Amino acid sequence: MPNIKSAAKRARTARMRALRNASTKSSVKTAVKKYEAQLAQGDLSAAEAALRKAISAIDKAAKKGVIHKNQAARRKSRLSRKLVALAGAPGAPVAQQ
């Protein structure tokens, strides 16, 4: 237990931030899982809608500082490439798992 008031406050705020960050990360994971489920079913229109929601959740997490902006860009890119590969666009990269 901290002996100094400021250290006690830092411990409290760290716990609150950790809970908030965990909630944001969970929403990102849920959105990505829903998107990947739509991809597995092969429904392109539903997958596109799920991709938009996943990208939105990732952007919100990056804006809050829960994930780094480069990590957000990398995740969005990978998710988009999976959709393009499923659509079978000419010259599309093959999605690797």
C-alpha atoms as a PDB file:
ATOM      1  CA  MET A   1       0.000   0.000   0.000  1.00  0.00           C
ATOM      2  CA  PRO A   2       1.384   3.444  -0.900  1.00  0.00           C
ATOM      3  CA  ASN A   3       2.414   5.715   1.956  1.00  0.00           C
ATOM      4  CA  ILE A   4       2.140   8.954  -0.016  1.00  0.00           C
ATOM      5  CA  LYS A   5      -1.173  10.489  -1.045  1.00  0.00           C
ATOM      6  CA  SER A   6      -0.111  11.142  -4.620  1.00  0.00           C
ATOM      7  CA  ALA A   7       1.061   7.544  -5.018  1.00  0.00           C
ATOM      8  CA  ALA A   8      -2.298   6.300  -3.754  1.00  0.00           C
ATOM      9  CA  LYS A   9      -4.087   8.522  -6.253  1.00  0.00           C
ATOM     10  CA  ARG A  10      -1.855   7.278  -9.089  1.00  0.00           C
ATOM     11  CA  ALA A  11      -2.722   3.690  -8.132  1.00  0.00           C
ATOM     12  CA  ARG A  12      -6.445   4.509  -8.180  1.00  0.00           C
ATOM     13  CA  THR A  13      -6.290   6.278 -11.524  1.00  0.00           C
ATOM     14  CA  ALA A  14      -4.187   3.464 -13.002  1.00  0.00           C
ATOM     15  CA  ARG A  15      -6.872   0.954 -11.996  1.00  0.00           C
ATOM     16  CA  MET A  16      -9.625   3.110 -13.540  1.00  0.00           C
ATOM     17  CA  ARG A  17      -7.668   3.580 -16.753  1.00  0.00           C
ATOM     18  CA  ALA A  18      -6.927  -0.148 -16.962  1.00  0.00           C
ATOM     19  CA  LEU A  19     -10.641  -0.933 -16.711  1.00  0.00           C
ATOM     20  CA  ARG A  20     -11.487   1.669 -19.342  1.00  0.00           C
ATOM     21  CA  ASN A  21      -8.756   0.397 -21.664  1.00  0.00           C
ATOM     22  CA  ALA A  22      -9.897  -3.200 -21.204  1.00  0.00           C
ATOM     23  CA  SER A  23     -13.425  -2.221 -22.205  1.00  0.00           C
ATOM     24  CA  THR A  24     -12.193  -0.490 -25.355  1.00  0.00           C
ATOM     25  CA  LYS A  25      -9.946  -3.402 -26.310  1.00  0.00           C
ATOM     26  CA  SER A  26     -12.829  -5.793 -25.764  1.00  0.00           C
ATOM     27  CA  SER A  27     -15.090  -3.821 -28.099  1.00  0.00           C
ATOM     28  CA  VAL A  28     -12.375  -3.890 -30.774  1.00  0.00           C
ATOM     29  CA  LYS A  29     -11.945  -7.650 -30.409  1.00  0.00           C
ATOM     30  CA  THR A  30     -15.706  -8.215 -30.571  1.00  0.00           C
ATOM     31  CA  ALA A  31     -16.075  -6.109 -33.721  1.00  0.00           C
ATOM     32  CA  VAL A  32     -13.180  -7.923 -35.416  1.00  0.00           C
ATOM     33  CA  LYS A  33     -14.601 -11.335 -34.475  1.00  0.00           C
ATOM     34  CA  LYS A  34     -18.002 -10.393 -35.910  1.00  0.00           C
ATOM     35  CA  TYR A  35     -16.320  -9.259 -39.124  1.00  0.00           C
ATOM     36  CA  GLU A  36     -14.333 -12.477 -39.429  1.00  0.00           C
ATOM     37  CA  ALA A  37     -17.501 -14.511 -38.819  1.00  0.00           C
ATOM     38  CA  GLN A  38     -19.174 -12.692 -41.711  1.00  0.00           C
ATOM     39  CA  LEU A  39     -16.133 -13.397 -43.891  1.00  0.00           C
ATOM     40  CA  ALA A  40     -16.293 -17.082 -42.990  1.00  0.00           C
ATOM     41  CA  GLN A  41     -19.923 -17.194 -44.100  1.00  0.00           C
ATOM     42  CA  GLY A  42     -18.963 -15.587 -47.402  1.00  0.00           C
ATOM     43  CA  ASP A  43     -21.568 -12.804 -47.197  1.00  0.00           C
ATOM     44  CA  LEU A  44     -19.793  -9.825 -48.791  1.00  0.00           C
ATOM     45  CA  SER A  45     -22.367  -7.137 -48.041  1.00  0.00           C
ATOM     46  CA  ALA A  46     -22.634  -8.128 -44.373  1.00  0.00           C
ATOM     47  CA  ALA A  47     -18.851  -8.411 -44.196  1.00  0.00           C
ATOM     48  CA  GLU A  48     -18.465  -4.863 -45.564  1.00  0.00           C
ATOM     49  CA  ALA A  49     -20.850  -3.529 -42.930  1.00  0.00           C
ATOM     50  CA  ALA A  50     -19.003  -5.449 -40.207  1.00  0.00           C
ATOM     51  CA  LEU A  51     -15.683  -4.124 -41.565  1.00  0.00           C
ATOM     52  CA  ARG A  52     -16.904  -0.539 -41.221  1.00  0.00           C
ATOM     53  CA  LYS A  53     -17.877  -1.196 -37.595  1.00  0.00           C
ATOM     54  CA  ALA A  54     -14.545  -2.877 -36.875  1.00  0.00           C
ATOM     55  CA  ILE A  55     -12.606   0.005 -38.427  1.00  0.00           C
ATOM     56  CA  SER A  56     -14.653   2.462 -36.380  1.00  0.00           C
ATOM     57  CA  ALA A  57     -13.888   0.571 -33.164  1.00  0.00           C
ATOM     58  CA  ILE A  58     -10.179   0.437 -34.036  1.00  0.00           C
ATOM     59  CA  ASP A  59     -10.105   4.169 -34.814  1.00  0.00           C
ATOM     60  CA  LYS A  60     -11.794   4.981 -31.506  1.00  0.00           C
ATOM     61  CA  ALA A  61      -9.263   2.870 -29.623  1.00  0.00           C
ATOM     62  CA  ALA A  62      -6.388   4.649 -31.391  1.00  0.00           C
ATOM     63  CA  LYS A  63      -7.918   8.054 -30.708  1.00  0.00           C
ATOM     64  CA  LYS A  64      -8.148   7.249 -26.996  1.00  0.00           C
ATOM     65  CA  GLY A  65      -4.554   6.046 -26.968  1.00  0.00           C
ATOM     66  CA  VAL A  66      -5.459   2.481 -26.081  1.00  0.00           C
ATOM     67  CA  ILE A  67      -3.607   1.230 -29.158  1.00  0.00           C
ATOM     68  CA  HIS A  68      -0.915   2.983 -31.184  1.00  0.00           C
ATOM     69  CA  LYS A  69      -1.965   4.696 -34.409  1.00  0.00           C
ATOM     70  CA  ASN A  70       0.379   2.504 -36.445  1.00  0.00           C
ATOM     71  CA  GLN A  71      -1.092  -0.618 -34.899  1.00  0.00           C
ATOM     72  CA  ALA A  72      -4.558   0.669 -35.804  1.00  0.00           C
ATOM     73  CA  ALA A  73      -3.466   1.263 -39.399  1.00  0.00           C
ATOM     74  CA  ARG A  74      -1.913  -2.210 -39.595  1.00  0.00           C
ATOM     75  CA  ARG A  75      -5.039  -3.900 -38.239  1.00  0.00           C
ATOM     76  CA  LYS A  76      -7.337  -2.000 -40.603  1.00  0.00           C
ATOM     77  CA  SER A  77      -5.111  -2.859 -43.550  1.00  0.00           C
ATOM     78  CA  ARG A  78      -5.098  -6.548 -42.721  1.00  0.00           C
ATOM     79  CA  LEU A  79      -8.865  -6.657 -42.285  1.00  0.00           C
ATOM     80  CA  SER A  80      -9.394  -4.852 -45.592  1.00  0.00           C
ATOM     81  CA  ARG A  81      -7.030  -7.195 -47.417  1.00  0.00           C
ATOM     82  CA  LYS A  82      -9.056 -10.173 -46.228  1.00  0.00           C
ATOM     83  CA  LEU A  83     -12.225  -8.706 -47.713  1.00  0.00           C
ATOM     84  CA  VAL A  84     -10.516  -7.884 -51.012  1.00  0.00           C
ATOM     85  CA  ALA A  85      -9.107 -11.406 -51.206  1.00  0.00           C
ATOM     86  CA  LEU A  86     -12.547 -12.896 -50.536  1.00  0.00           C
ATOM     87  CA  ALA A  87     -14.135 -10.706 -53.189  1.00  0.00           C
ATOM     88  CA  GLY A  88     -11.627 -12.083 -55.658  1.00  0.00           C
ATOM     89  CA  ALA A  89     -10.705  -8.785 -57.222  1.00  0.00           C
ATOM     90  CA  PRO A  90      -8.097  -9.156 -59.985  1.00  0.00           C
ATOM     91  CA  GLY A  91      -4.616  -8.561 -58.678  1.00  0.00           C
ATOM     92  CA  ALA A  92      -5.802  -8.854 -55.096  1.00  0.00           C
ATOM     93  CA  PRO A  93      -3.291 -10.199 -52.579  1.00  0.00           C
ATOM     94  CA  VAL A  94      -4.027 -13.625 -51.172  1.00  0.00           C
ATOM     95  CA  ALA A  95      -5.021 -13.431 -47.514  1.00  0.00           C
ATOM     96  CA  GLN A  96      -2.631 -15.331 -45.268  1.00  0.00           C
ATOM     97  CA  GLN A  97      -3.805 -16.671 -41.966  1.00  0.00           C
END
